[in-house]
Amino acid sequence: MKYLIAGLGNIGTQYDGTRHNIGFEILDALAKEFKADWSTKKLGAMTEFRTRGRTFVLLKPSTYMNLSGKAVRYWMQQLNVPAERLLVVVDDVSLPFGQLRLRGKGSDGGHNGLRNISEVLGHNAYPRLRFGIGHDFGPGRQIEYVLGPWTGEERAALPECIERAIKGVQLFAVQGIARAMNHIN
């Protein structure tokens, strides 16, 4: 069985190590764990690996965060992956740093990447794994915060948080969303 795991972020070195690119960071760590090499494909960087009878196709869209839907839909169609076997990995300012939340469907919660995916797909019934980045910013400073670098304390805690997210991605594909939600949430 094939699963499309789309980690959202923005391309370009100026976005490396920023909170908004946690989707890219999680997929990079997952690919490294399975010794999978990235290659440039249409609308994004991709790699794949097999484990426990599942094929994981990892996608880092090159369309920028706010236009992620184009890449996600294209690769869902190319790979013949239904929405229930898509998992979008994304940052979330409404969750405390490092907290994970897995859902099978739902609103975009104000996240432009999720909003675009829902618009392009024509529905919001696709799984998403939200990674909490916290909300330590004042009025009108959200963009600066999400596009800003992790603090030293966050950076030190990040590897353990990313490892939990990686386990969540694997549980989603291997055990199903209900069991994964029970474990993660």
N, C-alpha and C. Protein backbone atom coordinates (compact mmCIF):
# COMPACT_ATOMS: atom_id res chain seq x y z
N MET A 1 0.84 -1.18 0.00
CA MET A 1 0.00 0.00 0.00
C MET A 1 0.88 1.24 0.00
N LYS A 2 0.48 2.24 -0.76
CA LYS A 2 1.26 3.46 -0.93
C LYS A 2 0.63 4.62 -0.16
N TYR A 3 1.49 5.37 0.54
CA TYR A 3 1.07 6.55 1.31
C TYR A 3 1.86 7.75 0.85
N LEU A 4 1.17 8.87 0.66
CA LEU A 4 1.82 10.13 0.31
C LEU A 4 1.89 10.99 1.57
N ILE A 5 3.10 11.30 1.98
CA ILE A 5 3.33 12.13 3.17
C ILE A 5 3.87 13.46 2.67
N ALA A 6 3.08 14.52 2.82
CA ALA A 6 3.46 15.85 2.34
C ALA A 6 3.83 16.71 3.53
N GLY A 7 5.08 17.09 3.61
CA GLY A 7 5.55 17.99 4.66
C GLY A 7 5.57 19.40 4.10
N LEU A 8 4.87 20.31 4.75
CA LEU A 8 4.78 21.67 4.21
C LEU A 8 5.90 22.56 4.74
N GLY A 9 6.31 23.47 3.86
CA GLY A 9 7.35 24.43 4.19
C GLY A 9 7.55 25.35 3.00
N ASN A 10 8.55 26.17 3.09
CA ASN A 10 8.91 27.08 2.00
C ASN A 10 10.30 26.75 1.51
N ILE A 11 10.49 26.78 0.19
CA ILE A 11 11.80 26.49 -0.37
C ILE A 11 12.69 27.72 -0.25
N GLY A 12 13.99 27.47 -0.22
CA GLY A 12 14.95 28.57 -0.12
C GLY A 12 15.69 28.54 1.20
N THR A 13 16.97 28.83 1.16
CA THR A 13 17.80 28.76 2.36
C THR A 13 17.36 29.76 3.43
N GLN A 14 16.71 30.85 3.03
CA GLN A 14 16.27 31.83 4.03
C GLN A 14 15.19 31.27 4.95
N TYR A 15 14.56 30.16 4.55
CA TYR A 15 13.52 29.54 5.37
C TYR A 15 14.01 28.33 6.15
N ASP A 16 15.24 27.88 5.89
CA ASP A 16 15.79 26.74 6.62
C ASP A 16 15.83 27.05 8.11
N GLY A 17 15.43 26.10 8.92
CA GLY A 17 15.49 26.27 10.37
C GLY A 17 14.44 27.19 10.94
N THR A 18 13.39 27.49 10.17
CA THR A 18 12.31 28.33 10.70
C THR A 18 11.15 27.45 11.16
N ARG A 19 10.33 28.01 12.00
CA ARG A 19 9.19 27.26 12.54
C ARG A 19 8.24 26.79 11.44
N HIS A 20 8.03 27.63 10.43
CA HIS A 20 7.08 27.31 9.37
C HIS A 20 7.54 26.11 8.53
N ASN A 21 8.82 25.77 8.60
CA ASN A 21 9.35 24.67 7.80
C ASN A 21 9.47 23.35 8.56
N ILE A 22 8.77 23.22 9.67
CA ILE A 22 8.87 21.99 10.45
C ILE A 22 8.40 20.77 9.64
N GLY A 23 7.46 20.96 8.73
CA GLY A 23 7.04 19.84 7.87
C GLY A 23 8.19 19.30 7.05
N PHE A 24 9.01 20.19 6.51
CA PHE A 24 10.20 19.79 5.76
C PHE A 24 11.19 19.08 6.70
N GLU A 25 11.39 19.63 7.89
CA GLU A 25 12.36 19.05 8.84
C GLU A 25 11.97 17.64 9.26
N ILE A 26 10.68 17.43 9.49
CA ILE A 26 10.21 16.10 9.90
C ILE A 26 10.43 15.10 8.76
N LEU A 27 10.11 15.49 7.54
CA LEU A 27 10.32 14.59 6.41
C LEU A 27 11.81 14.34 6.16
N ASP A 28 12.64 15.35 6.33
CA ASP A 28 14.09 15.15 6.19
C ASP A 28 14.59 14.11 7.20
N ALA A 29 14.13 14.22 8.44
CA ALA A 29 14.55 13.27 9.47
C ALA A 29 14.04 11.86 9.17
N LEU A 30 12.82 11.76 8.67
CA LEU A 30 12.25 10.46 8.31
C LEU A 30 13.04 9.83 7.16
N ALA A 31 13.35 10.61 6.15
CA ALA A 31 14.13 10.11 5.01
C ALA A 31 15.51 9.67 5.48
N LYS A 32 16.13 10.43 6.36
CA LYS A 32 17.46 10.07 6.87
C LYS A 32 17.40 8.75 7.63
N GLU A 33 16.37 8.57 8.44
CA GLU A 33 16.23 7.34 9.21
C GLU A 33 16.17 6.11 8.31
N PHE A 34 15.54 6.25 7.14
CA PHE A 34 15.40 5.13 6.22
C PHE A 34 16.39 5.20 5.05
N LYS A 35 17.38 6.08 5.19
CA LYS A 35 18.45 6.22 4.18
C LYS A 35 17.89 6.43 2.78
N ALA A 36 16.88 7.26 2.70
CA ALA A 36 16.23 7.58 1.42
C ALA A 36 16.76 8.91 0.90
N ASP A 37 17.17 8.93 -0.35
CA ASP A 37 17.74 10.14 -0.95
C ASP A 37 16.67 10.95 -1.68
N TRP A 38 16.75 12.25 -1.54
CA TRP A 38 15.81 13.16 -2.18
C TRP A 38 16.19 13.39 -3.64
N SER A 39 15.20 13.59 -4.49
CA SER A 39 15.43 14.00 -5.87
C SER A 39 14.39 15.06 -6.23
N THR A 40 14.75 15.91 -7.17
CA THR A 40 13.85 16.97 -7.61
C THR A 40 12.90 16.40 -8.65
N LYS A 41 11.62 16.54 -8.39
CA LYS A 41 10.56 16.09 -9.28
C LYS A 41 9.68 17.28 -9.60
N LYS A 42 8.66 17.02 -10.40
CA LYS A 42 7.72 18.08 -10.72
C LYS A 42 7.04 18.56 -9.43
N LEU A 43 7.08 19.84 -9.19
CA LEU A 43 6.41 20.52 -8.07
C LEU A 43 6.95 20.16 -6.69
N GLY A 44 8.15 19.56 -6.63
CA GLY A 44 8.69 19.31 -5.30
C GLY A 44 9.86 18.36 -5.27
N ALA A 45 10.41 18.20 -4.07
CA ALA A 45 11.46 17.21 -3.81
C ALA A 45 10.77 15.96 -3.28
N MET A 46 11.23 14.79 -3.74
CA MET A 46 10.57 13.55 -3.34
C MET A 46 11.59 12.46 -3.04
N THR A 47 11.15 11.53 -2.23
CA THR A 47 11.88 10.30 -1.98
C THR A 47 10.85 9.27 -1.54
N GLU A 48 11.27 8.02 -1.52
CA GLU A 48 10.37 6.99 -1.01
C GLU A 48 11.16 5.86 -0.40
N PHE A 49 10.49 5.11 0.46
CA PHE A 49 11.08 3.93 1.08
C PHE A 49 9.95 2.98 1.45
N ARG A 50 10.31 1.74 1.70
CA ARG A 50 9.34 0.73 2.12
C ARG A 50 9.69 0.24 3.52
N THR A 51 8.66 0.05 4.31
CA THR A 51 8.82 -0.56 5.63
C THR A 51 7.48 -1.15 6.04
N ARG A 52 7.54 -2.29 6.69
CA ARG A 52 6.35 -2.97 7.21
C ARG A 52 5.25 -3.12 6.15
N GLY A 53 5.64 -3.43 4.93
CA GLY A 53 4.68 -3.65 3.86
C GLY A 53 4.02 -2.40 3.31
N ARG A 54 4.55 -1.24 3.67
CA ARG A 54 3.98 0.02 3.19
C ARG A 54 5.05 0.78 2.40
N THR A 55 4.61 1.49 1.38
CA THR A 55 5.49 2.38 0.64
C THR A 55 5.17 3.80 1.08
N PHE A 56 6.18 4.48 1.56
CA PHE A 56 6.05 5.87 1.98
C PHE A 56 6.65 6.74 0.89
N VAL A 57 5.84 7.61 0.29
CA VAL A 57 6.34 8.57 -0.69
C VAL A 57 6.32 9.93 0.01
N LEU A 58 7.50 10.50 0.20
CA LEU A 58 7.62 11.78 0.90
C LEU A 58 7.71 12.90 -0.12
N LEU A 59 6.95 13.97 0.12
CA LEU A 59 6.90 15.11 -0.78
C LEU A 59 7.12 16.40 0.00
N LYS A 60 8.09 17.19 -0.46
CA LYS A 60 8.28 18.56 0.04
C LYS A 60 7.95 19.48 -1.13
N PRO A 61 6.72 20.04 -1.16
CA PRO A 61 6.32 20.87 -2.30
C PRO A 61 7.26 22.05 -2.53
N SER A 62 7.50 22.35 -3.80
CA SER A 62 8.33 23.50 -4.16
C SER A 62 7.46 24.69 -4.56
N THR A 63 6.18 24.60 -4.25
CA THR A 63 5.21 25.62 -4.65
C THR A 63 5.05 26.72 -3.60
N TYR A 64 5.85 26.68 -2.57
CA TYR A 64 5.69 27.55 -1.40
C TYR A 64 4.44 27.15 -0.63
N MET A 65 4.46 27.47 0.64
CA MET A 65 3.42 27.04 1.57
C MET A 65 2.01 27.34 1.08
N ASN A 66 1.77 28.56 0.65
CA ASN A 66 0.41 28.99 0.35
C ASN A 66 -0.17 28.39 -0.93
N LEU A 67 0.64 27.66 -1.69
CA LEU A 67 0.17 27.02 -2.92
C LEU A 67 0.45 25.51 -2.89
N SER A 68 0.52 24.94 -1.71
CA SER A 68 0.86 23.53 -1.54
C SER A 68 -0.14 22.59 -2.20
N GLY A 69 -1.38 23.02 -2.35
CA GLY A 69 -2.42 22.16 -2.91
C GLY A 69 -2.11 21.67 -4.31
N LYS A 70 -1.49 22.51 -5.11
CA LYS A 70 -1.16 22.14 -6.49
C LYS A 70 -0.26 20.90 -6.52
N ALA A 71 0.80 20.91 -5.72
CA ALA A 71 1.74 19.78 -5.67
C ALA A 71 1.07 18.55 -5.06
N VAL A 72 0.33 18.74 -3.99
CA VAL A 72 -0.33 17.61 -3.32
C VAL A 72 -1.31 16.93 -4.26
N ARG A 73 -2.16 17.70 -4.92
CA ARG A 73 -3.14 17.10 -5.84
C ARG A 73 -2.44 16.40 -7.00
N TYR A 74 -1.44 17.04 -7.57
CA TYR A 74 -0.73 16.45 -8.70
C TYR A 74 -0.17 15.07 -8.34
N TRP A 75 0.51 14.99 -7.19
CA TRP A 75 1.13 13.72 -6.82
C TRP A 75 0.12 12.70 -6.33
N MET A 76 -0.98 13.14 -5.74
CA MET A 76 -2.05 12.20 -5.40
C MET A 76 -2.56 11.53 -6.68
N GLN A 77 -2.77 12.33 -7.72
CA GLN A 77 -3.26 11.79 -8.99
C GLN A 77 -2.22 10.91 -9.66
N GLN A 78 -0.97 11.35 -9.71
CA GLN A 78 0.09 10.58 -10.36
C GLN A 78 0.30 9.22 -9.69
N LEU A 79 0.23 9.20 -8.37
CA LEU A 79 0.50 7.99 -7.60
C LEU A 79 -0.76 7.19 -7.29
N ASN A 80 -1.92 7.74 -7.69
CA ASN A 80 -3.21 7.11 -7.41
C ASN A 80 -3.39 6.85 -5.90
N VAL A 81 -3.13 7.88 -5.12
CA VAL A 81 -3.25 7.81 -3.67
C VAL A 81 -4.54 8.52 -3.25
N PRO A 82 -5.46 7.81 -2.61
CA PRO A 82 -6.70 8.45 -2.15
C PRO A 82 -6.44 9.35 -0.94
N ALA A 83 -7.37 10.23 -0.68
CA ALA A 83 -7.22 11.21 0.41
C ALA A 83 -6.95 10.56 1.76
N GLU A 84 -7.51 9.39 2.00
CA GLU A 84 -7.31 8.75 3.32
C GLU A 84 -5.88 8.21 3.48
N ARG A 85 -5.11 8.13 2.39
CA ARG A 85 -3.71 7.69 2.49
C ARG A 85 -2.74 8.85 2.24
N LEU A 86 -3.27 10.06 2.32
CA LEU A 86 -2.45 11.28 2.31
C LEU A 86 -2.30 11.73 3.75
N LEU A 87 -1.10 12.16 4.12
CA LEU A 87 -0.89 12.77 5.43
C LEU A 87 -0.11 14.06 5.21
N VAL A 88 -0.69 15.18 5.64
CA VAL A 88 -0.04 16.49 5.52
C VAL A 88 0.57 16.83 6.88
N VAL A 89 1.86 17.11 6.90
CA VAL A 89 2.58 17.45 8.13
C VAL A 89 2.84 18.95 8.11
N VAL A 90 2.37 19.63 9.17
CA VAL A 90 2.32 21.09 9.13
C VAL A 90 2.55 21.68 10.53
N ASP A 91 3.00 22.93 10.55
CA ASP A 91 3.17 23.66 11.81
C ASP A 91 1.83 24.19 12.30
N ASP A 92 1.72 24.44 13.61
CA ASP A 92 0.47 24.95 14.17
C ASP A 92 0.78 25.88 15.34
N VAL A 93 0.40 27.16 15.19
CA VAL A 93 0.65 28.15 16.26
C VAL A 93 -0.32 28.00 17.43
N SER A 94 -1.40 27.29 17.25
CA SER A 94 -2.36 27.17 18.36
C SER A 94 -2.02 26.02 19.30
N LEU A 95 -0.98 25.26 19.00
CA LEU A 95 -0.53 24.19 19.89
C LEU A 95 0.78 24.60 20.55
N PRO A 96 0.97 24.21 21.81
CA PRO A 96 2.24 24.50 22.48
C PRO A 96 3.40 23.83 21.74
N PHE A 97 4.58 24.38 21.87
CA PHE A 97 5.75 23.84 21.20
C PHE A 97 5.88 22.33 21.43
N GLY A 98 6.05 21.60 20.34
CA GLY A 98 6.30 20.16 20.39
C GLY A 98 5.08 19.28 20.53
N GLN A 99 3.93 19.85 20.83
CA GLN A 99 2.72 19.03 20.95
C GLN A 99 2.26 18.63 19.56
N LEU A 100 1.82 17.36 19.43
CA LEU A 100 1.34 16.85 18.16
C LEU A 100 -0.17 16.64 18.22
N ARG A 101 -0.81 16.83 17.07
CA ARG A 101 -2.25 16.54 16.97
C ARG A 101 -2.51 15.95 15.59
N LEU A 102 -3.05 14.74 15.59
CA LEU A 102 -3.39 14.05 14.35
C LEU A 102 -4.90 14.03 14.20
N ARG A 103 -5.38 14.40 13.02
CA ARG A 103 -6.81 14.41 12.71
C ARG A 103 -7.01 13.83 11.31
N GLY A 104 -8.16 13.20 11.10
CA GLY A 104 -8.49 12.63 9.80
C GLY A 104 -9.09 13.62 8.84
N LYS A 105 -9.56 14.73 9.39
CA LYS A 105 -10.16 15.80 8.57
C LYS A 105 -10.32 17.00 9.48
N GLY A 106 -10.77 18.10 8.91
CA GLY A 106 -11.03 19.26 9.75
C GLY A 106 -10.74 20.57 9.06
N SER A 107 -10.88 21.62 9.82
CA SER A 107 -10.68 22.96 9.26
C SER A 107 -9.19 23.22 9.06
N ASP A 108 -8.91 24.29 8.34
CA ASP A 108 -7.52 24.66 8.13
C ASP A 108 -6.94 25.38 9.34
N GLY A 109 -7.79 25.80 10.28
CA GLY A 109 -7.31 26.46 11.49
C GLY A 109 -6.52 27.73 11.21
N GLY A 110 -6.79 28.37 10.07
CA GLY A 110 -6.08 29.59 9.73
C GLY A 110 -4.73 29.35 9.05
N HIS A 111 -4.40 28.10 8.78
CA HIS A 111 -3.12 27.77 8.14
C HIS A 111 -3.29 27.85 6.62
N ASN A 112 -2.53 28.73 5.98
CA ASN A 112 -2.69 28.96 4.55
C ASN A 112 -2.36 27.74 3.69
N GLY A 113 -1.40 26.94 4.11
CA GLY A 113 -1.08 25.72 3.37
C GLY A 113 -2.24 24.74 3.37
N LEU A 114 -2.81 24.50 4.55
CA LEU A 114 -3.97 23.60 4.65
C LEU A 114 -5.17 24.18 3.90
N ARG A 115 -5.35 25.49 3.99
CA ARG A 115 -6.46 26.14 3.28
C ARG A 115 -6.34 25.89 1.78
N ASN A 116 -5.16 26.06 1.23
CA ASN A 116 -4.96 25.87 -0.20
C ASN A 116 -5.17 24.41 -0.60
N ILE A 117 -4.69 23.48 0.20
CA ILE A 117 -4.90 22.06 -0.11
C ILE A 117 -6.39 21.76 -0.13
N SER A 118 -7.13 22.25 0.85
CA SER A 118 -8.58 22.01 0.90
C SER A 118 -9.28 22.62 -0.30
N GLU A 119 -8.87 23.83 -0.69
CA GLU A 119 -9.48 24.48 -1.85
C GLU A 119 -9.21 23.69 -3.13
N VAL A 120 -7.96 23.26 -3.31
CA VAL A 120 -7.58 22.55 -4.54
C VAL A 120 -8.24 21.16 -4.59
N LEU A 121 -8.29 20.47 -3.45
CA LEU A 121 -8.91 19.14 -3.43
C LEU A 121 -10.43 19.23 -3.44
N GLY A 122 -10.98 20.36 -3.01
CA GLY A 122 -12.43 20.52 -2.96
C GLY A 122 -13.05 19.95 -1.70
N HIS A 123 -12.23 19.61 -0.72
CA HIS A 123 -12.73 19.09 0.57
C HIS A 123 -11.61 19.17 1.60
N ASN A 124 -11.98 18.96 2.87
CA ASN A 124 -10.98 18.96 3.93
C ASN A 124 -10.90 17.61 4.63
N ALA A 125 -11.35 16.57 3.95
CA ALA A 125 -11.37 15.22 4.52
C ALA A 125 -10.08 14.49 4.17
N TYR A 126 -8.97 14.99 4.65
CA TYR A 126 -7.68 14.34 4.48
C TYR A 126 -6.93 14.46 5.81
N PRO A 127 -6.15 13.44 6.17
CA PRO A 127 -5.43 13.47 7.44
C PRO A 127 -4.33 14.53 7.47
N ARG A 128 -4.12 15.07 8.67
CA ARG A 128 -3.06 16.05 8.88
C ARG A 128 -2.47 15.85 10.26
N LEU A 129 -1.15 15.99 10.32
CA LEU A 129 -0.42 15.92 11.57
C LEU A 129 0.10 17.32 11.84
N ARG A 130 -0.42 17.92 12.90
CA ARG A 130 -0.02 19.27 13.26
C ARG A 130 1.07 19.21 14.34
N PHE A 131 2.09 20.02 14.14
CA PHE A 131 3.21 20.10 15.07
C PHE A 131 3.17 21.47 15.72
N GLY A 132 3.00 21.50 17.03
CA GLY A 132 2.90 22.77 17.75
C GLY A 132 4.19 23.55 17.74
N ILE A 133 4.08 24.83 17.34
CA ILE A 133 5.25 25.71 17.35
C ILE A 133 5.09 26.82 18.39
N GLY A 134 3.98 26.77 19.14
CA GLY A 134 3.74 27.78 20.16
C GLY A 134 3.25 29.09 19.55
N HIS A 135 2.99 30.04 20.42
CA HIS A 135 2.46 31.33 19.96
C HIS A 135 2.99 32.47 20.83
N ASP A 136 4.31 32.51 20.92
CA ASP A 136 4.97 33.52 21.74
C ASP A 136 5.27 34.77 20.90
N PHE A 137 4.18 35.44 20.49
CA PHE A 137 4.33 36.65 19.68
C PHE A 137 3.22 37.63 20.03
N GLY A 138 3.49 38.87 19.81
CA GLY A 138 2.53 39.93 20.09
C GLY A 138 1.61 40.18 18.91
N PRO A 139 0.65 41.09 19.09
CA PRO A 139 -0.29 41.42 18.01
C PRO A 139 0.45 41.86 16.74
N GLY A 140 0.02 41.31 15.62
CA GLY A 140 0.60 41.68 14.34
C GLY A 140 1.98 41.10 14.07
N ARG A 141 2.44 40.17 14.90
CA ARG A 141 3.81 39.64 14.75
C ARG A 141 3.83 38.15 14.38
N GLN A 142 2.66 37.60 14.00
CA GLN A 142 2.59 36.17 13.71
C GLN A 142 3.49 35.76 12.54
N ILE A 143 3.47 36.51 11.46
CA ILE A 143 4.27 36.16 10.28
C ILE A 143 5.76 36.16 10.65
N GLU A 144 6.19 37.18 11.36
CA GLU A 144 7.58 37.26 11.79
C GLU A 144 7.95 36.06 12.67
N TYR A 145 7.01 35.65 13.53
CA TYR A 145 7.25 34.53 14.43
C TYR A 145 7.36 33.21 13.67
N VAL A 146 6.38 32.90 12.81
CA VAL A 146 6.40 31.60 12.13
C VAL A 146 7.56 31.51 11.14
N LEU A 147 7.96 32.63 10.57
CA LEU A 147 9.09 32.62 9.63
C LEU A 147 10.43 32.85 10.33
N GLY A 148 10.37 32.93 11.66
CA GLY A 148 11.59 33.13 12.44
C GLY A 148 12.22 31.82 12.85
N PRO A 149 13.49 31.89 13.30
CA PRO A 149 14.21 30.68 13.72
C PRO A 149 13.75 30.21 15.10
N TRP A 150 14.01 28.95 15.37
CA TRP A 150 13.73 28.39 16.69
C TRP A 150 14.63 29.08 17.72
N THR A 151 14.15 29.16 18.95
CA THR A 151 15.00 29.65 20.03
C THR A 151 16.02 28.55 20.36
N GLY A 152 17.04 28.88 21.10
CA GLY A 152 18.03 27.89 21.51
C GLY A 152 17.41 26.74 22.28
N GLU A 153 16.48 27.07 23.18
CA GLU A 153 15.81 26.04 23.98
C GLU A 153 14.95 25.14 23.10
N GLU A 154 14.23 25.74 22.14
CA GLU A 154 13.41 24.94 21.22
C GLU A 154 14.29 24.05 20.36
N ARG A 155 15.38 24.61 19.84
CA ARG A 155 16.29 23.85 18.98
C ARG A 155 16.84 22.64 19.73
N ALA A 156 17.15 22.81 21.03
CA ALA A 156 17.68 21.70 21.83
C ALA A 156 16.63 20.59 22.02
N ALA A 157 15.36 20.97 22.13
CA ALA A 157 14.28 19.99 22.35
C ALA A 157 13.74 19.41 21.05
N LEU A 158 14.07 20.02 19.93
CA LEU A 158 13.49 19.64 18.64
C LEU A 158 13.74 18.18 18.23
N PRO A 159 14.96 17.64 18.37
CA PRO A 159 15.17 16.25 17.93
C PRO A 159 14.20 15.24 18.55
N GLU A 160 13.95 15.37 19.84
CA GLU A 160 13.02 14.46 20.50
C GLU A 160 11.59 14.66 19.97
N CYS A 161 11.18 15.90 19.75
CA CYS A 161 9.85 16.20 19.23
C CYS A 161 9.70 15.67 17.80
N ILE A 162 10.73 15.84 16.99
CA ILE A 162 10.70 15.34 15.61
C ILE A 162 10.62 13.82 15.61
N GLU A 163 11.33 13.17 16.52
CA GLU A 163 11.29 11.71 16.61
C GLU A 163 9.87 11.22 16.92
N ARG A 164 9.17 11.93 17.81
CA ARG A 164 7.77 11.56 18.10
C ARG A 164 6.90 11.74 16.86
N ALA A 165 7.14 12.80 16.11
CA ALA A 165 6.38 13.04 14.88
C ALA A 165 6.64 11.94 13.85
N ILE A 166 7.90 11.52 13.72
CA ILE A 166 8.26 10.44 12.80
C ILE A 166 7.51 9.16 13.17
N LYS A 167 7.48 8.86 14.45
CA LYS A 167 6.75 7.67 14.91
C LYS A 167 5.26 7.80 14.59
N GLY A 168 4.73 9.01 14.72
CA GLY A 168 3.33 9.26 14.38
C GLY A 168 3.04 9.02 12.92
N VAL A 169 3.93 9.45 12.04
CA VAL A 169 3.76 9.23 10.60
C VAL A 169 3.73 7.73 10.31
N GLN A 170 4.66 7.00 10.92
CA GLN A 170 4.72 5.56 10.69
C GLN A 170 3.48 4.85 11.24
N LEU A 171 3.05 5.23 12.43
CA LEU A 171 1.84 4.64 13.01
C LEU A 171 0.63 4.86 12.12
N PHE A 172 0.52 6.06 11.57
CA PHE A 172 -0.59 6.40 10.68
C PHE A 172 -0.69 5.38 9.54
N ALA A 173 0.42 5.08 8.90
CA ALA A 173 0.41 4.17 7.74
C ALA A 173 0.32 2.71 8.14
N VAL A 174 0.97 2.33 9.22
CA VAL A 174 1.06 0.92 9.58
C VAL A 174 -0.15 0.45 10.40
N GLN A 175 -0.62 1.28 11.32
CA GLN A 175 -1.70 0.85 12.21
C GLN A 175 -3.03 1.53 11.94
N GLY A 176 -3.05 2.54 11.08
CA GLY A 176 -4.29 3.23 10.79
C GLY A 176 -4.44 4.49 11.61
N ILE A 177 -5.30 5.35 11.12
CA ILE A 177 -5.42 6.68 11.76
C ILE A 177 -6.02 6.61 13.15
N ALA A 178 -6.98 5.73 13.39
CA ALA A 178 -7.61 5.67 14.71
C ALA A 178 -6.59 5.30 15.80
N ARG A 179 -5.82 4.27 15.55
CA ARG A 179 -4.81 3.85 16.54
C ARG A 179 -3.72 4.90 16.67
N ALA A 180 -3.33 5.49 15.55
CA ALA A 180 -2.29 6.53 15.60
C ALA A 180 -2.79 7.73 16.39
N MET A 181 -4.05 8.11 16.20
CA MET A 181 -4.60 9.24 16.95
C MET A 181 -4.60 8.94 18.44
N ASN A 182 -4.97 7.73 18.83
CA ASN A 182 -4.96 7.36 20.25
C ASN A 182 -3.57 7.48 20.84
N HIS A 183 -2.57 7.11 20.08
CA HIS A 183 -1.20 7.17 20.56
C HIS A 183 -0.66 8.60 20.61
N ILE A 184 -0.92 9.37 19.55
CA ILE A 184 -0.34 10.71 19.41
C ILE A 184 -1.09 11.76 20.22
N ASN A 185 -2.41 11.74 20.14
CA ASN A 185 -3.20 12.78 20.78
C ASN A 185 -3.34 12.53 22.27
